[in-house]
Amino acid sequence: MKKIYLFCDQGMSTSMLAKKMQDIGDKHNLPVEVKAYSIKILEKILEEEHPDCVLLGPQVRHLLEDTENRVEGYNVPVGVVDSVDYGMMDGERVLKKAILMMKNYKK
């Protein structure tokens, strides 16, 4: 099971996208768990849940470098959800990009 976790300021707006991504994964029988959280609890989630992929909502893209520093040592790829995909709530495109990101990640 691959854990793909989305983070934004409160974890609210990304929860809609996470649900759409999970629905696509379920529809295609993909072993994924997609959830959304507040960036404020990133370390707690890293330690307790061990995600395989961390995605930031476009509204917190300015936290990318800080987030990369915070996940150092956990061997987790970090990316930012494309703002167009986010605006369209295109769960399929975001899920595909997350899967590619995990496949291409060099540990």
Protein backbone atom coordinates (compact mmCIF):
# COMPACT_ATOMS: atom_id res chain seq x y z
CA MET A 1 0.00 0.00 0.00
CA LYS A 2 1.47 3.33 -1.08
CA LYS A 3 0.61 6.27 1.15
CA ILE A 4 0.18 9.54 -0.75
CA TYR A 5 -0.42 12.43 1.62
CA LEU A 6 -1.44 15.94 0.64
CA PHE A 7 -0.65 18.92 2.82
CA CYS A 8 -2.01 22.45 2.85
CA ASP A 9 -2.52 25.10 5.48
CA GLN A 10 -5.44 23.44 7.26
CA GLY A 11 -5.83 20.21 5.29
CA MET A 12 -9.36 21.21 4.31
CA SER A 13 -9.27 22.10 0.63
CA THR A 14 -6.86 19.30 -0.22
CA SER A 15 -9.20 16.78 1.43
CA MET A 16 -11.59 17.10 -1.53
CA LEU A 17 -8.77 16.33 -3.95
CA ALA A 18 -7.51 13.48 -1.76
CA LYS A 19 -11.00 11.93 -1.84
CA LYS A 20 -11.12 12.14 -5.63
CA MET A 21 -7.65 10.58 -5.86
CA GLN A 22 -8.67 7.77 -3.49
CA ASP A 23 -11.84 7.14 -5.51
CA ILE A 24 -9.76 6.78 -8.70
CA GLY A 25 -7.33 4.45 -6.94
CA ASP A 26 -10.19 2.33 -5.62
CA LYS A 27 -11.86 2.24 -9.05
CA HIS A 28 -8.66 0.85 -10.59
CA ASN A 29 -7.83 -1.44 -7.64
CA LEU A 30 -4.60 0.44 -6.93
CA PRO A 31 -3.03 -0.19 -3.52
CA VAL A 32 -3.00 3.47 -2.45
CA GLU A 33 -4.08 5.43 0.58
CA VAL A 34 -4.63 9.13 -0.09
CA LYS A 35 -5.22 11.53 2.79
CA ALA A 36 -4.94 15.24 3.48
CA TYR A 37 -3.43 16.98 6.49
CA SER A 38 -2.36 20.35 7.76
CA ILE A 39 1.29 21.15 7.04
CA LYS A 40 1.56 22.05 10.72
CA ILE A 41 1.60 18.36 11.69
CA LEU A 42 4.00 17.16 8.98
CA GLU A 43 6.60 15.74 11.39
CA LYS A 44 3.97 13.85 13.36
CA ILE A 45 2.61 12.29 10.15
CA LEU A 46 6.11 11.42 8.92
CA GLU A 47 6.93 9.65 12.18
CA GLU A 48 3.61 7.89 12.70
CA GLU A 49 2.38 7.14 9.17
CA HIS A 50 5.58 6.89 7.06
CA PRO A 51 4.14 8.29 3.80
CA ASP A 52 5.57 7.25 0.44
CA CYS A 53 4.83 10.61 -1.17
CA VAL A 54 4.23 14.14 0.14
CA LEU A 55 2.33 16.60 -2.03
CA LEU A 56 1.76 20.24 -1.20
CA GLY A 57 -1.32 22.12 -2.30
CA PRO A 58 -0.52 25.00 -4.66
CA GLN A 59 -1.54 27.53 -2.00
CA VAL A 60 1.45 26.46 0.12
CA ARG A 61 3.97 26.03 -2.71
CA HIS A 62 6.12 28.65 -0.99
CA LEU A 63 6.80 26.01 1.69
CA LEU A 64 8.38 23.54 -0.77
CA GLU A 65 12.02 24.13 0.22
CA ASP A 66 11.16 24.13 3.93
CA THR A 67 9.16 20.91 3.49
CA GLU A 68 12.01 19.24 1.60
CA ASN A 69 14.28 20.09 4.53
CA ARG A 70 11.76 18.78 7.05
CA VAL A 71 11.40 15.40 5.29
CA GLU A 72 15.14 14.92 4.90
CA GLY A 73 16.08 11.56 6.30
CA TYR A 74 12.67 10.01 5.62
CA ASN A 75 13.43 9.20 1.95
CA VAL A 76 10.14 10.67 0.74
CA PRO A 77 9.63 12.53 -2.53
CA VAL A 78 8.03 15.96 -2.16
CA GLY A 79 6.13 17.80 -4.86
CA VAL A 80 3.56 20.51 -5.45
CA VAL A 81 0.17 19.78 -6.98
CA ASP A 82 -0.20 21.55 -10.31
CA SER A 83 -2.51 24.55 -9.81
CA VAL A 84 -4.60 23.73 -12.91
CA ASP A 85 -5.08 20.12 -11.79
CA TYR A 86 -5.93 21.40 -8.32
CA GLY A 87 -8.41 23.96 -9.62
CA MET A 88 -10.11 21.30 -11.74
CA MET A 89 -9.96 18.83 -8.82
CA ASP A 90 -8.52 16.34 -11.31
CA GLY A 91 -7.80 13.46 -8.98
CA GLU A 92 -6.77 11.15 -11.79
CA ARG A 93 -4.03 13.45 -13.14
CA VAL A 94 -2.68 14.21 -9.67
CA LEU A 95 -2.66 10.51 -8.75
CA LYS A 96 -0.81 9.63 -11.97
CA LYS A 97 1.77 12.34 -11.31
CA ALA A 98 2.24 11.15 -7.71
CA ILE A 99 2.79 7.56 -8.87
CA LEU A 100 5.33 8.73 -11.44
CA MET A 101 7.05 10.86 -8.82
CA MET A 102 7.41 7.84 -6.53
CA LYS A 103 8.70 5.64 -9.37
CA ASN A 104 11.31 8.21 -10.42
CA TYR A 105 12.43 9.09 -6.89
CA LYS A 106 16.04 8.24 -6.12
CA LYS A 107 16.45 7.16 -2.50
